[in-house]
Amino acid sequence: MLKEFKEFALKGSLLDIAVGFVMGAAFKSVVTSFTAGIVSPLIGLIFQTDLKDLKWIAREGVPDADGKIIGQVDVLYGAFITTIIDFIIVAFVMFLIVKAVNKMKRKEEEAPAPAPAGPSQEELLVEIRDLLAKK
């Protein structure tokens, strides 16, 4: 069973998937940083607040003795919009990568097949011998 697992784990396609997964996770953090540090503040200029801080207060809370608000229900639509922007950026870049890979594969497929090689000297000699033997 260990041998079968080793064969499975060391297959090229599985390793490719693992590398792609790690790269995707790293890329996701770059996109999240881009969205949080650049996109959200620029969009936030329109709303005069950070995009992630946009929320709808569904129910007002009441302050307790320490001044903390208890029982407030917030709908954090700004954080949701930020996540949607992250997703769109990641999806678009993945689309571009898949498109580029498919284009490269098409070029490989369209490459003309090499001309069929003629018979070797041995094959020609065998054919001549067979023809002489018939006479």
Protein backbone atom coordinates (compact mmCIF):
# COMPACT_ATOMS: atom_id res chain seq x y z
CA MET A 1 0.00 0.00 0.00
CA LEU A 2 2.88 2.37 0.76
CA LYS A 3 4.39 1.64 -2.65
CA GLU A 4 1.08 2.44 -4.38
CA PHE A 5 0.80 5.70 -2.45
CA LYS A 6 4.36 6.64 -3.40
CA GLU A 7 3.58 6.00 -7.09
CA PHE A 8 0.41 8.06 -6.81
CA ALA A 9 2.07 10.94 -4.96
CA LEU A 10 5.01 11.15 -7.32
CA LYS A 11 3.00 11.26 -10.52
CA GLY A 12 3.79 14.36 -12.56
CA SER A 13 0.23 15.60 -12.73
CA LEU A 14 -0.25 15.42 -8.97
CA LEU A 15 2.94 17.38 -8.39
CA ASP A 16 1.80 19.94 -10.96
CA ILE A 17 -1.49 20.32 -9.11
CA ALA A 18 0.31 20.75 -5.79
CA VAL A 19 2.63 23.40 -7.22
CA GLY A 20 -0.33 25.17 -8.82
CA PHE A 21 -2.20 25.12 -5.52
CA VAL A 22 0.71 26.67 -3.62
CA MET A 23 1.24 29.28 -6.35
CA GLY A 24 -2.49 30.06 -6.33
CA ALA A 25 -2.49 30.57 -2.56
CA ALA A 26 0.51 32.89 -2.82
CA PHE A 27 -1.10 34.78 -5.70
CA LYS A 28 -4.31 35.12 -3.68
CA SER A 29 -2.42 36.88 -0.90
CA VAL A 30 -0.86 39.26 -3.43
CA VAL A 31 -4.28 40.06 -4.87
CA THR A 32 -5.77 40.53 -1.40
CA SER A 33 -2.97 42.93 -0.53
CA PHE A 34 -3.51 44.80 -3.82
CA THR A 35 -7.24 45.07 -3.20
CA ALA A 36 -6.89 46.09 0.45
CA GLY A 37 -4.04 48.53 -0.09
CA ILE A 38 -4.88 50.11 -3.45
CA VAL A 39 -8.35 49.29 -4.79
CA SER A 40 -10.34 49.64 -1.55
CA PRO A 41 -8.93 53.05 -0.61
CA LEU A 42 -9.53 54.38 -4.13
CA ILE A 43 -13.12 53.14 -4.13
CA GLY A 44 -13.41 54.36 -0.55
CA LEU A 45 -12.72 57.90 -1.76
CA ILE A 46 -16.12 57.79 -3.44
CA PHE A 47 -17.89 56.74 -0.22
CA GLN A 48 -15.63 58.83 2.07
CA THR A 49 -14.68 55.66 4.02
CA ASP A 50 -12.64 52.51 3.55
CA LEU A 51 -14.51 50.05 1.35
CA LYS A 52 -14.07 47.25 3.90
CA ASP A 53 -15.72 49.38 6.59
CA LEU A 54 -18.98 49.85 4.67
CA LYS A 55 -21.83 48.19 6.53
CA TRP A 56 -25.55 48.31 7.04
CA ILE A 57 -26.69 48.24 10.64
CA ALA A 58 -29.68 45.91 10.62
CA ARG A 59 -30.35 46.31 14.34
CA GLU A 60 -29.02 48.94 16.71
CA GLY A 61 -27.35 47.70 19.84
CA VAL A 62 -27.46 49.10 23.31
CA PRO A 63 -24.40 50.23 25.24
CA ASP A 64 -23.50 48.29 28.37
CA ALA A 65 -21.90 49.67 31.53
CA ASP A 66 -18.42 49.69 29.90
CA GLY A 67 -19.66 51.55 26.83
CA LYS A 68 -19.48 48.50 24.54
CA ILE A 69 -22.41 48.09 22.19
CA ILE A 70 -24.27 44.83 22.73
CA GLY A 71 -26.75 43.20 20.36
CA GLN A 72 -25.94 45.20 17.25
CA VAL A 73 -26.35 43.30 13.97
CA ASP A 74 -24.20 44.51 11.07
CA VAL A 75 -24.33 43.45 7.44
CA LEU A 76 -20.73 43.87 6.24
CA TYR A 77 -21.34 44.44 2.56
CA GLY A 78 -18.05 46.34 2.13
CA ALA A 79 -16.02 43.28 3.11
CA PHE A 80 -18.15 41.21 0.73
CA ILE A 81 -17.52 43.63 -2.15
CA THR A 82 -13.78 43.50 -1.41
CA THR A 83 -13.86 39.70 -1.54
CA ILE A 84 -15.78 39.81 -4.85
CA ILE A 85 -13.13 42.15 -6.30
CA ASP A 86 -10.41 39.73 -5.13
CA PHE A 87 -12.24 36.85 -6.79
CA ILE A 88 -12.70 38.71 -10.07
CA ILE A 89 -9.00 39.62 -10.23
CA VAL A 90 -7.88 36.05 -9.45
CA ALA A 91 -10.40 34.56 -11.91
CA PHE A 92 -9.31 36.95 -14.67
CA VAL A 93 -5.62 36.19 -14.19
CA MET A 94 -6.33 32.43 -14.12
CA PHE A 95 -8.33 32.86 -17.34
CA LEU A 96 -5.37 34.60 -18.96
CA ILE A 97 -2.99 31.85 -17.81
CA VAL A 98 -5.24 29.06 -19.11
CA LYS A 99 -5.71 30.92 -22.38
CA ALA A 100 -1.93 31.28 -22.81
CA VAL A 101 -1.32 27.61 -22.01
CA ASN A 102 -4.01 26.51 -24.47
CA LYS A 103 -2.50 28.74 -27.15
CA MET A 104 0.93 27.18 -26.57
CA LYS A 105 -0.57 23.68 -26.73
CA ARG A 106 -2.30 24.53 -30.02
CA LYS A 107 1.01 25.63 -31.52
CA GLU A 108 2.57 22.33 -30.46
CA GLU A 109 -0.31 20.38 -32.02
CA GLU A 110 -0.20 22.37 -35.25
CA ALA A 111 3.50 21.68 -35.78
CA PRO A 112 3.83 19.56 -38.91
CA ALA A 113 4.64 15.93 -38.39
CA PRO A 114 8.09 14.95 -39.56
CA ALA A 115 8.24 13.33 -42.98
CA PRO A 116 8.10 9.58 -42.77
CA ALA A 117 11.56 8.14 -42.86
CA GLY A 118 12.38 5.85 -45.75
CA PRO A 119 13.34 2.25 -45.22
CA SER A 120 16.69 1.60 -43.60
CA GLN A 121 19.59 -0.03 -45.47
CA GLU A 122 18.91 -3.32 -43.72
CA GLU A 123 15.29 -3.29 -44.82
CA LEU A 124 16.30 -2.55 -48.43
CA LEU A 125 18.88 -5.36 -48.39
CA VAL A 126 16.34 -7.80 -46.98
CA GLU A 127 13.89 -6.79 -49.70
CA ILE A 128 16.54 -7.27 -52.43
CA ARG A 129 17.51 -10.64 -50.97
CA ASP A 130 13.87 -11.75 -50.94
CA LEU A 131 13.40 -10.65 -54.54
CA LEU A 132 16.55 -12.53 -55.64
CA ALA A 133 15.44 -15.61 -53.77
CA LYS A 134 12.17 -15.67 -55.73
CA LYS A 135 14.03 -15.93 -59.05
